[in-house]
């Protein structure tokens, strides 16, 4: 049977609009008016509307009615599929196709694709409908976030429907929903169940008891409608029975068609119908069931609940055969590998599952959807059979994708199994690849010694394809331990090998790591500019991990060398890249760097927020500074820290020992020295400080961390702490000269006022205040106490008072009393800050910037403030600001 244009039009007519729309929209008049108003206004101002509700709440019906008859706007629809792993960019491909934009097999990165979408919108009023976003893929979310940030300036309305009950805290849709909440042009509409009065309206004339239906359905419009459509039937015991009642008069052949369509998670493409022997007369007969609908994507169930009910009714053993039929038809039209993998798996076809899941994983990786890549590779590996070496290759790829999404323990398991298989196959190239990959995973797990062992094993295979990757990792570890000679040597070898093998990514990675070494160990700002160019080039070429690694290392170097503004600017570019390209491992690293940045600049609340984000994420190598931030802020404030300040420092100590990197070891030793000063106690660990300074104090690139430790040891010497007094000045008695940054050198030389000025110029208020405590000018030293208290460093201020009194100052003021603001609503100090900014009319984005917190956290704070104040909107806060004592 062949399909003609007339046949395809007949299909559309045969299965379109089965349910009476008016019944579905009972008790939906306000929501419908809201959507129609938004559509009307879109001629001059765009908006983004999220419509939520449980399955069967009437979301799609509401959107369909609102967009019907709007002749002045184009309507493009994108559907998200309930596949085991979503199609990368599936709904975006749909809307682009509706707008006449051709998208190839490789759609590219989300941002360029979003730009193509906006170009397609142009100046023509357009409505984009994205349905069932609970099944959306991450790449599509990034496209929609890009569009959302620009929607207000376009003649564009985006209508997004999703099941709110299926959106957990970590769901990929959450960032987009947060963006919509913050948009001035963003609106959310929640659809609730029908009231008893509305149910009576729907059931009118059926003789069915409305309260019983309410108890059975909870007011779900679809359930209620299904029951109403079968008034002659006994009250169904479940919605499944109500749906299946629609099929009771269907013949065996037609029932199999319903079952075939039910095995397609979304719909059957018109192109598949001839291959499946589904003809127009069958579709016309099935229209009477009221279960099917016609969409641009083909024939499908009008509602997912109906599809599931029919799918669940398929006899055991029949489902694989139906999926096999669809799979064969899909292969004939060149369908997406993601869809093919889904049906191959359901059909029990292991060979095809492996092949299509493998291809789908590659596409997901290219699209920057690394979580989806993990899921597809896991699907491929779950299929029995296949050659051991092919399985080993899949496991090696899986381990890298698991590393990218920061699932490091699982990555170790995957690469261990790959190593075993390649060893059994006596495949030296495979073993080299496995050891190189294992070395990377071990390093990011903060196990340097294990990483170095696997690097050595990989480098034993000089001719293996993975030799270059292992050598570049050797360079990374050399650079991280401040070994300039080893970094330079590895750079030469890696560059030569990359040129010899025409490996562009290896060459770029070699230059990025080598140049990062120049910035850190050569203090070369010109090299910093070169590094930025290299990183942007890597990002443009979709060398995801290489680009993000370069950004991560430079951000850490900028903070270490106290280029705080440069670091902030860099992170504003690099963190969105890690999100856009789905690289949680680098997102966690960079968030940890930002935690330290905020900490050094005195923005402790923001630093703690970032620190907790990283500690919750669990990436070991990213968590050293978050532990230090959490512990030191608590100690400086004299407050308990979640998990305990000492526990945080102990954890950081263990990590530093495992990492074996000079900067990490110096930072942790300095933290314990500060703790000893704050608590006025002896710490036996500090007995090793002198040896540490002798070991690493003369290395290139350590001057800032060496200086911090040396200054703390000098302060401890003043307080008569044994074992470190011989470290005063800028050199150890029996070791090489220490490399100390200028502000620390000034402080060690007793030039405290100059040191304070330098720290202040750098934007380090805590360091500046402590330097002023050491001033010979009594007024300056006393004034520093107020600076510490203003930062909330009450414990540090109290300790400084003791130091000043020991120096013989006679007029050391006691701790200031903290004034209690009239606060009958019980707001915390942070919530009070938020309330005052809301009262001034600041948006959430402005509030987040002002308080140095994320927009998502600002949203949470504003919600908490409104709840405690008993107010419904921000406008009420503004109106009642004076009454509430906020202005």
Foldseek 3Di string as FASTA:
>chain_A
DDDDPVQVVLQQVQFADLDDLVLLCQPVVVVLVVLLVQLVCLLQWEFEEEEEAAFLLCQVSSVVVSPPPPVQEAEFEFEWFPFPFTQQCRRLCRRCVSLVHDADLQNFALVVSLVVVVVSQPARQYEYEYEACLRPFLRNLLSVLNCRVVRGRHSYYYYYYHYPVSADPPRSNVVVVLSLVQDPRHYYHYRAADDLVSLCVLQPPLPDDSVVQCVQPVRRSRLSNLQSVCSVDDRDPHSLVSLCVLCPPPDPVLLVVLLLQLLGRFGAAPQLCVLLVHGSVSSNVSSSSSQWHADNRGIHGPGNVSSVSSNVPDDPPVQLVSLVSSLVSCVVVVDQLSSNLRSCVRNLPLVSVLVSLCVSLVSCLSHLRLVSSLVSLVSNLVRDDDDLLVNLVSLLVNLVSCQQLPVLVVSLVSLVSSCVSCVVVVPLLSNLSSLLSNLVSCVLLLQNVSSVVSLVSNCVCVPHPCVLSSLLVQLLLCLQQLNLVSNVVSLVVSCVVCVVVVPVLSNLLSLLSNLLSCCQQVVDVVSVVVNVVSLVVCVVVVVLVSSLVSLLSVLLLCVLVLVLVVSVVSLVPNLVSCSSSVRNSSNLLSLLSVLSSCLQLLLLVLSQVSLVVSVVSPRLVSNLSSLLSQLQVCLLLVHAGVVGSVNSLVSLCVSCVSNVHLLSNLQSLLSVLVSCLLVVHEDVVVLCVLVSCQVPQPRGNCQDSSLSSLLSLCSVVLSVHPNRVQSQAQQHPPHDGGRHDDLSNCLSVLNLQVSLVVSVVSSRQVSSLVSQCSDPDPVSNLVSLVSSVVSSSPSVSVSSLVSVVVVPDDDRDDDDDDDDDPQVLPDDPVLLLLLLVLLVVDRLVRSCVVSVHDSVVSVVSVVVSCVSVVHDDSVVSNVCVVVRVSD
